[in-house]
Amino acid sequence: MVMDIRSLVPGHTKTDLGKTTRSKSKRSADQSQSTSGDADDSVSLTGHASQISALVQQMKSAPVLDPDRVSPVKEKMDKGEYEIEYERVANKMLDFEASYYDY
């Protein structure tokens, strides 16, 4: 659904937004078809956007698991020596919730 937002003024309600006349929507569709092939699209990234893009690529290429942290736990589990520290887990959960909700 195409919505013409150029003519919106303060006081419009959400129910008014979707209502357009048939000729307006047809005219805007015709305009978008005629101008879509005329202009070349281009994107320019700022320095921060380039850094973010590089970090995203670095994260994508990083391994999902850290073997240095996983292997000791795996060894303890295989030997039956792994014990869950319930109080520590609960405190970590509470710390996370507190930081998430900014208590």
Protein backbone atom coordinates (compact mmCIF):
# COMPACT_ATOMS: atom_id res chain seq x y z
CA MET A 1 0.00 0.00 0.00
CA VAL A 2 1.46 3.35 -1.03
CA MET A 3 0.77 6.26 1.29
CA ASP A 4 1.28 9.89 0.27
CA ILE A 5 2.73 11.60 3.36
CA ARG A 6 3.61 14.90 1.69
CA SER A 7 0.22 16.45 2.37
CA LEU A 8 -0.05 15.45 6.05
CA VAL A 9 -0.76 18.22 8.51
CA PRO A 10 -1.00 18.19 12.31
CA GLY A 11 -4.30 16.82 13.47
CA HIS A 12 -4.54 13.83 11.11
CA THR A 13 -5.43 10.64 12.87
CA LYS A 14 -4.17 7.18 12.12
CA THR A 15 -7.46 6.31 10.46
CA ASP A 16 -7.04 9.21 8.02
CA LEU A 17 -3.58 8.12 6.88
CA GLY A 18 -4.59 5.17 4.74
CA LYS A 19 -7.45 6.93 2.97
CA THR A 20 -6.56 8.38 -0.41
CA THR A 21 -8.53 8.88 -3.54
CA ARG A 22 -8.06 6.42 -6.34
CA SER A 23 -6.71 9.06 -8.73
CA LYS A 24 -4.03 10.17 -6.23
CA SER A 25 -2.73 6.66 -5.70
CA LYS A 26 -2.76 5.96 -9.45
CA ARG A 27 -0.95 9.23 -10.17
CA SER A 28 1.73 8.56 -7.53
CA ALA A 29 2.22 5.04 -8.89
CA ASP A 30 2.69 6.44 -12.38
CA GLN A 31 5.21 8.99 -11.10
CA SER A 32 7.21 6.37 -9.22
CA GLN A 33 7.40 4.19 -12.32
CA SER A 34 8.59 7.03 -14.52
CA THR A 35 11.27 8.28 -12.09
CA SER A 36 12.57 4.92 -10.91
CA GLY A 37 14.61 4.26 -14.05
CA ASP A 38 15.87 7.83 -14.50
CA ALA A 39 18.04 8.29 -11.38
CA ASP A 40 21.12 6.33 -10.42
CA ASP A 41 21.12 5.09 -6.85
CA SER A 42 24.23 5.71 -4.81
CA VAL A 43 25.35 5.22 -1.24
CA SER A 44 28.18 6.95 0.57
CA LEU A 45 29.32 5.73 3.97
CA THR A 46 30.71 7.95 6.66
CA GLY A 47 33.83 6.99 8.59
CA HIS A 48 31.76 5.56 11.43
CA ALA A 49 29.60 3.53 9.07
CA SER A 50 32.72 2.08 7.43
CA GLN A 51 34.11 1.13 10.83
CA ILE A 52 30.83 -0.50 11.81
CA SER A 53 30.76 -2.42 8.54
CA ALA A 54 34.32 -3.66 9.13
CA LEU A 55 33.42 -4.75 12.67
CA VAL A 56 30.36 -6.61 11.43
CA GLN A 57 32.48 -8.47 8.89
CA GLN A 58 35.05 -9.27 11.59
CA MET A 59 32.32 -10.63 13.87
CA LYS A 60 30.90 -12.75 11.06
CA SER A 61 34.29 -14.34 10.41
CA ALA A 62 35.00 -15.02 14.12
CA PRO A 63 34.32 -18.51 15.47
CA VAL A 64 31.03 -18.99 17.27
CA LEU A 65 32.61 -20.72 20.27
CA ASP A 66 35.85 -19.99 22.12
CA PRO A 67 37.59 -23.37 22.42
CA ASP A 68 39.78 -22.11 25.26
CA ARG A 69 36.69 -21.56 27.40
CA VAL A 70 34.67 -24.57 26.20
CA SER A 71 37.28 -27.34 26.48
CA PRO A 72 37.81 -27.17 30.29
CA VAL A 73 34.07 -27.30 30.89
CA LYS A 74 33.71 -30.17 28.43
CA GLU A 75 36.49 -32.13 30.17
CA LYS A 76 34.84 -31.65 33.57
CA MET A 77 31.50 -32.79 32.16
CA ASP A 78 33.07 -35.89 30.62
CA LYS A 79 34.66 -36.78 33.96
CA GLY A 80 31.44 -36.09 35.86
CA GLU A 81 33.16 -33.36 37.89
CA TYR A 82 31.23 -30.34 36.59
CA GLU A 83 29.15 -28.67 39.25
CA ILE A 84 26.71 -25.85 38.65
CA GLU A 85 27.18 -22.91 40.98
CA TYR A 86 23.50 -22.07 41.37
CA GLU A 87 24.03 -18.94 43.48
CA ARG A 88 26.54 -17.53 40.99
CA VAL A 89 24.19 -18.22 38.07
CA ALA A 90 21.31 -16.56 39.91
CA ASN A 91 23.42 -13.51 40.73
CA LYS A 92 24.54 -13.19 37.11
CA MET A 93 20.90 -13.34 36.00
CA LEU A 94 19.95 -10.64 38.51
CA ASP A 95 22.88 -8.46 37.43
CA PHE A 96 21.81 -8.81 33.81
CA GLU A 97 18.22 -7.89 34.60
CA ALA A 98 19.34 -4.91 36.67
CA SER A 99 21.57 -3.62 33.87
CA TYR A 100 18.88 -4.23 31.28
CA TYR A 101 16.20 -2.32 33.16
CA ASP A 102 18.76 0.17 34.58
CA TYR A 103 17.83 -0.33 38.26
